[in-house]
Amino acid sequence: MLTIAQALAQGAKLLDDARVSVPRLTAEVLLAHAIGCERSWLYAHSDEELREVWWIHYGRYLHQRLSGAPTQYVTGRQEFYGRDFRVTPDVLIPRPETEHLIEAALELAGDSRRILDIGTGSGAIAVTLALELTEARVIATDKSEPAIRIAAANAHRLQACVAFMVTDLAACFADHSFDLVVCNPPYVPSADQANIQREVRDHEPAVALYGGADGLEVYRRLIPEAERVLASGGRLIMEIGFSIHEAVGAMLASWSEVQTRSDLAGLPRVMTARKQ
């Protein structure tokens, strides 16, 4: 029977040969998931023999990853803003870049009392804001019922007070009913589908990825809808694709304080605006 160190080396080589990114880290995450331990435990027990049940689970997880499944879907977990979120193929995997949206929201929220997260997916944005802005009432929507179930489970497990509704954008809400609207819309142009990573293209939900032919389809509906439900002076915060920030900015011509924030790579990532 292999030791933990040997199993990690073998798994890392298989992943490396298959050109999976960060093969050693991936092997560690998958083996820790198979054992049910933290990665640090693997180093402290590197000479321990791998139990048969661990080997069976580890082999299955390696096979899934080698077949293209994202590591996060194999383990069912993704960290976001320092918290673990459950993820499945029903929801987009939260990205570190989306934490820039959280930072913008925390900075601009002020005394916002009602916050709406449109297209919540895993609930990462809504749950994070509810936990960070404890005085605010956070409501989240998604048109996917399976996604809402995942988001609600994340909120329950992390003890976040969020109300969830299955609806298209903000269709079920009255005019002028929110102080802050946040959204990470699908913004990949459908024509770019062939150019994105296999793990993303073949496994993450298309409805959360593609924004029509030019990537702007949802923004064209989202911005007027946000203007409708925001109170006077309320703010809209959206994640954007780097290639569409000028087009999105043009849609905000009637808004004030329009700003674009860049990510760590210097690419436009978040756009904020205030309702006149």
Protein backbone atom coordinates (compact mmCIF):
# COMPACT_ATOMS: atom_id res chain seq x y z
CA MET A 1 0.00 0.00 0.00
CA LEU A 2 1.25 3.50 -0.82
CA THR A 3 2.09 6.07 1.80
CA ILE A 4 0.36 9.44 1.75
CA ALA A 5 3.52 11.04 0.35
CA GLN A 6 3.73 8.45 -2.46
CA ALA A 7 0.03 8.82 -3.26
CA LEU A 8 0.44 12.58 -3.54
CA ALA A 9 3.46 12.21 -5.81
CA GLN A 10 1.63 9.71 -8.02
CA GLY A 11 -1.50 11.86 -8.24
CA ALA A 12 0.49 15.01 -8.98
CA LYS A 13 2.31 13.24 -11.83
CA LEU A 14 -0.95 12.01 -13.38
CA LEU A 15 -2.39 15.51 -13.23
CA ASP A 16 0.79 17.08 -14.56
CA ASP A 17 0.91 14.64 -17.47
CA ALA A 18 -2.68 15.61 -18.28
CA ARG A 19 -1.67 19.30 -18.14
CA VAL A 20 -3.98 20.07 -15.25
CA SER A 21 -2.98 23.36 -13.66
CA VAL A 22 -1.30 23.35 -10.22
CA PRO A 23 -1.07 19.53 -10.17
CA ARG A 24 0.53 19.19 -6.73
CA LEU A 25 -1.99 21.47 -5.04
CA THR A 26 -4.85 19.70 -6.81
CA ALA A 27 -3.57 16.31 -5.66
CA GLU A 28 -3.38 17.57 -2.09
CA VAL A 29 -6.91 18.99 -2.18
CA LEU A 30 -8.33 15.77 -3.64
CA LEU A 31 -6.51 13.50 -1.20
CA ALA A 32 -7.50 15.67 1.78
CA HIS A 33 -11.10 15.48 0.56
CA ALA A 34 -10.84 11.69 0.23
CA ILE A 35 -9.52 11.37 3.79
CA GLY A 36 -11.73 14.07 5.26
CA CYS A 37 -8.89 16.14 6.67
CA GLU A 38 -7.17 19.48 6.18
CA ARG A 39 -4.21 19.69 3.78
CA SER A 40 -1.85 20.40 6.68
CA TRP A 41 -2.68 16.95 8.09
CA LEU A 42 -1.17 15.33 5.01
CA TYR A 43 2.26 16.80 5.76
CA ALA A 44 2.17 15.69 9.39
CA HIS A 45 1.27 12.13 8.34
CA SER A 46 3.18 11.79 5.07
CA ASP A 47 4.65 8.41 6.05
CA GLU A 48 1.29 6.91 7.00
CA GLU A 49 -0.05 4.22 4.72
CA LEU A 50 -3.09 5.09 2.68
CA ARG A 51 -6.11 3.13 3.87
CA GLU A 52 -8.04 1.23 1.23
CA VAL A 53 -11.14 3.40 1.51
CA TRP A 54 -9.01 6.54 1.16
CA TRP A 55 -7.37 5.09 -1.96
CA ILE A 56 -10.75 4.24 -3.52
CA HIS A 57 -12.10 7.77 -2.99
CA TYR A 58 -8.84 9.40 -4.06
CA GLY A 59 -8.75 7.39 -7.27
CA ARG A 60 -12.32 8.36 -8.09
CA TYR A 61 -11.65 12.05 -7.47
CA LEU A 62 -8.50 11.95 -9.61
CA HIS A 63 -10.47 10.31 -12.41
CA GLN A 64 -13.16 13.00 -12.23
CA ARG A 65 -10.56 15.77 -12.35
CA LEU A 66 -8.67 14.11 -15.21
CA SER A 67 -11.99 13.90 -17.07
CA GLY A 68 -12.30 17.67 -16.88
CA ALA A 69 -14.50 18.26 -13.84
CA PRO A 70 -13.35 21.34 -11.90
CA THR A 71 -11.78 20.54 -8.55
CA GLN A 72 -14.48 22.60 -6.82
CA TYR A 73 -17.24 20.39 -8.24
CA VAL A 74 -15.34 17.27 -7.22
CA THR A 75 -14.99 18.45 -3.62
CA GLY A 76 -18.23 20.43 -3.58
CA ARG A 77 -16.46 23.39 -1.97
CA GLN A 78 -15.02 26.78 -2.86
CA GLU A 79 -13.63 29.45 -0.57
CA PHE A 80 -14.91 32.98 -1.05
CA TYR A 81 -14.04 35.95 1.14
CA GLY A 82 -12.61 33.61 3.76
CA ARG A 83 -15.65 31.34 3.97
CA ASP A 84 -16.39 27.90 2.52
CA PHE A 85 -19.33 27.68 0.12
CA ARG A 86 -20.99 24.58 -1.22
CA VAL A 87 -20.96 24.44 -5.01
CA THR A 88 -22.43 22.04 -7.53
CA PRO A 89 -22.78 22.12 -11.34
CA ASP A 90 -26.04 24.01 -10.77
CA VAL A 91 -24.10 27.15 -9.80
CA LEU A 92 -21.13 29.11 -11.07
CA ILE A 93 -17.95 28.59 -9.04
CA PRO A 94 -17.24 31.84 -7.12
CA ARG A 95 -14.08 33.54 -8.40
CA PRO A 96 -11.54 35.52 -6.37
CA GLU A 97 -12.09 38.44 -8.78
CA THR A 98 -15.66 38.77 -7.52
CA GLU A 99 -14.28 39.74 -4.11
CA HIS A 100 -13.60 43.14 -5.71
CA LEU A 101 -17.37 43.53 -5.98
CA ILE A 102 -17.71 42.76 -2.27
CA GLU A 103 -15.06 45.34 -1.41
CA ALA A 104 -16.85 47.98 -3.51
CA ALA A 105 -20.18 47.14 -1.87
CA LEU A 106 -18.73 47.36 1.65
CA GLU A 107 -17.16 50.70 0.81
CA LEU A 108 -20.26 52.22 -0.79
CA ALA A 109 -23.06 50.63 1.22
CA GLY A 110 -23.14 53.44 3.79
CA ASP A 111 -26.39 53.14 5.74
CA SER A 112 -28.07 50.91 3.14
CA ARG A 113 -30.85 48.96 4.80
CA ARG A 114 -32.17 46.88 1.89
CA ILE A 115 -29.76 45.13 -0.45
CA LEU A 116 -30.67 43.05 -3.49
CA ASP A 117 -28.33 40.48 -5.06
CA ILE A 118 -29.59 39.62 -8.55
CA GLY A 119 -28.59 36.25 -10.02
CA THR A 120 -27.19 34.97 -6.74
CA GLY A 121 -26.02 31.52 -7.90
CA SER A 122 -24.25 29.92 -4.93
CA GLY A 123 -25.24 32.86 -2.76
CA ALA A 124 -21.62 33.87 -2.23
CA ILE A 125 -22.26 37.59 -2.70
CA ALA A 126 -25.53 37.76 -0.75
CA VAL A 127 -24.29 35.64 2.16
CA THR A 128 -21.03 37.58 2.40
CA LEU A 129 -22.80 40.94 2.44
CA ALA A 130 -25.31 39.71 5.03
CA LEU A 131 -22.48 38.59 7.31
CA GLU A 132 -20.40 41.73 6.78
CA LEU A 133 -23.28 44.25 6.90
CA THR A 134 -25.25 42.88 9.82
CA GLU A 135 -27.67 45.82 10.00
CA ALA A 136 -28.81 45.40 6.40
CA ARG A 137 -31.64 43.25 5.06
CA VAL A 138 -30.31 41.17 2.16
CA ILE A 139 -32.54 39.59 -0.47
CA ALA A 140 -31.25 37.42 -3.32
CA THR A 141 -32.86 36.25 -6.54
CA ASP A 142 -32.13 33.73 -9.24
CA LYS A 143 -34.29 32.29 -11.98
CA SER A 144 -32.82 28.83 -11.29
CA GLU A 145 -34.60 26.97 -8.50
CA PRO A 146 -31.69 24.51 -8.04
CA ALA A 147 -29.33 27.47 -7.62
CA ILE A 148 -31.60 29.02 -5.00
CA ARG A 149 -31.58 25.74 -3.07
CA ILE A 150 -27.76 25.74 -3.02
CA ALA A 151 -27.66 29.41 -1.99
CA ALA A 152 -30.19 28.88 0.80
CA ALA A 153 -28.19 25.92 2.12
CA ASN A 154 -25.04 28.05 2.16
CA ALA A 155 -26.83 30.82 4.04
CA HIS A 156 -28.17 28.34 6.59
CA ARG A 157 -24.80 26.68 7.15
CA LEU A 158 -22.98 30.00 7.51
CA GLN A 159 -25.77 31.48 9.65
CA ALA A 160 -26.47 34.38 7.31
CA CYS A 161 -29.90 36.02 7.28
CA VAL A 162 -30.80 36.18 3.58
CA ALA A 163 -34.20 35.87 1.91
CA PHE A 164 -34.18 34.02 -1.41
CA MET A 165 -36.67 34.24 -4.28
CA VAL A 166 -36.94 32.45 -7.61
CA THR A 167 -37.60 35.22 -10.12
CA ASP A 168 -36.15 36.84 -13.22
CA LEU A 169 -33.91 39.73 -12.18
CA ALA A 170 -36.03 41.89 -9.81
CA ALA A 171 -39.41 41.26 -11.43
CA CYS A 172 -41.26 40.59 -8.17
CA PHE A 173 -40.21 43.76 -6.35
CA ALA A 174 -41.85 47.17 -6.14
CA ASP A 175 -40.32 50.37 -7.46
CA HIS A 176 -37.82 52.22 -5.26
CA SER A 177 -37.61 49.35 -2.75
CA PHE A 178 -33.80 48.94 -2.39
CA ASP A 179 -30.82 51.04 -1.38
CA LEU A 180 -28.19 48.85 -3.07
CA VAL A 181 -28.33 46.40 -5.97
CA VAL A 182 -25.40 44.07 -6.68
CA CYS A 183 -24.99 41.63 -9.52
CA ASN A 184 -22.44 39.41 -11.21
CA PRO A 185 -24.16 38.91 -14.59
CA PRO A 186 -23.15 36.44 -17.28
CA TYR A 187 -20.91 38.45 -19.59
CA VAL A 188 -18.94 36.02 -21.79
CA PRO A 189 -19.91 36.59 -25.46
CA SER A 190 -21.38 33.39 -26.84
CA ALA A 191 -18.94 33.60 -29.75
CA ASP A 192 -16.08 33.11 -27.26
CA GLN A 193 -17.39 29.77 -26.05
CA ALA A 194 -14.78 27.76 -27.93
CA ASN A 195 -11.95 29.80 -26.42
CA ILE A 196 -12.67 29.34 -22.73
CA GLN A 197 -11.22 26.56 -20.58
CA ARG A 198 -12.69 23.10 -21.00
CA GLU A 199 -13.45 22.88 -17.28
CA VAL A 200 -15.56 26.02 -17.52
CA ARG A 201 -17.15 25.40 -20.91
CA ASP A 202 -18.16 21.80 -20.29
CA HIS A 203 -19.14 21.89 -16.62
CA GLU A 204 -20.29 25.30 -15.36
CA PRO A 205 -23.89 26.40 -16.09
CA ALA A 206 -24.11 28.17 -19.44
CA VAL A 207 -26.88 30.46 -18.17
CA ALA A 208 -24.41 31.93 -15.65
CA LEU A 209 -21.60 32.31 -18.20
CA TYR A 210 -22.85 33.61 -21.52
CA GLY A 211 -24.35 37.05 -22.05
CA GLY A 212 -25.53 36.71 -25.62
CA ALA A 213 -23.65 37.46 -28.81
CA ASP A 214 -21.85 40.52 -27.40
CA GLY A 215 -21.90 39.68 -23.69
CA LEU A 216 -24.27 42.57 -22.94
CA GLU A 217 -27.65 40.86 -23.10
CA VAL A 218 -28.28 40.79 -19.34
CA TYR A 219 -26.90 44.29 -18.73
CA ARG A 220 -29.45 45.72 -21.16
CA ARG A 221 -32.22 44.40 -18.92
CA LEU A 222 -30.44 44.65 -15.58
CA ILE A 223 -29.60 48.35 -15.60
CA PRO A 224 -33.19 49.62 -16.25
CA GLU A 225 -34.48 47.08 -13.74
CA ALA A 226 -32.01 48.25 -11.10
CA GLU A 227 -32.98 51.85 -11.79
CA ARG A 228 -36.62 50.90 -11.24
CA VAL A 229 -36.16 49.19 -7.86
CA LEU A 230 -33.50 51.50 -6.43
CA ALA A 231 -34.48 54.38 -4.21
CA SER A 232 -33.23 57.84 -5.16
CA GLY A 233 -29.49 57.96 -4.52
CA GLY A 234 -29.26 54.18 -4.41
CA ARG A 235 -26.27 52.43 -5.90
CA LEU A 236 -25.75 49.70 -8.48
CA ILE A 237 -22.60 47.56 -8.34
CA MET A 238 -21.88 45.07 -11.14
CA GLU A 239 -19.05 42.80 -12.14
CA ILE A 240 -18.04 43.31 -15.79
CA GLY A 241 -15.90 41.64 -18.41
CA PHE A 242 -12.82 43.66 -19.36
CA SER A 243 -13.85 43.90 -23.01
CA ILE A 244 -17.30 45.38 -22.37
CA HIS A 245 -16.71 48.06 -19.75
CA GLU A 246 -17.07 50.94 -22.24
CA ALA A 247 -20.35 49.55 -23.58
CA VAL A 248 -21.71 49.05 -20.06
CA GLY A 249 -20.59 52.55 -19.14
CA ALA A 250 -22.57 53.94 -22.06
CA MET A 251 -25.70 52.29 -20.67
CA LEU A 252 -25.20 54.26 -17.45
CA ALA A 253 -25.35 57.69 -19.12
CA SER A 254 -28.31 58.79 -17.00
CA TRP A 255 -26.65 57.71 -13.75
CA SER A 256 -24.18 59.68 -11.62
CA GLU A 257 -20.84 58.81 -10.00
CA VAL A 258 -20.12 56.09 -12.56
CA GLN A 259 -16.80 54.45 -11.75
CA THR A 260 -14.83 51.46 -12.98
CA ARG A 261 -12.60 49.50 -10.63
CA SER A 262 -9.80 47.23 -11.82
CA ASP A 263 -8.73 43.84 -10.50
CA LEU A 264 -5.20 42.87 -9.43
CA ALA A 265 -4.28 42.29 -13.08
CA GLY A 266 -5.27 45.88 -13.92
CA LEU A 267 -8.34 44.80 -15.91
CA PRO A 268 -11.73 46.52 -15.52
CA ARG A 269 -13.68 44.27 -13.16
CA VAL A 270 -16.38 46.20 -11.25
CA MET A 271 -18.58 49.10 -12.28
CA THR A 272 -20.46 51.24 -9.78
CA ALA A 273 -23.10 53.92 -10.34
CA ARG A 274 -25.55 56.02 -8.34
CA LYS A 275 -29.15 56.61 -9.27
CA GLN A 276 -29.88 60.30 -9.86
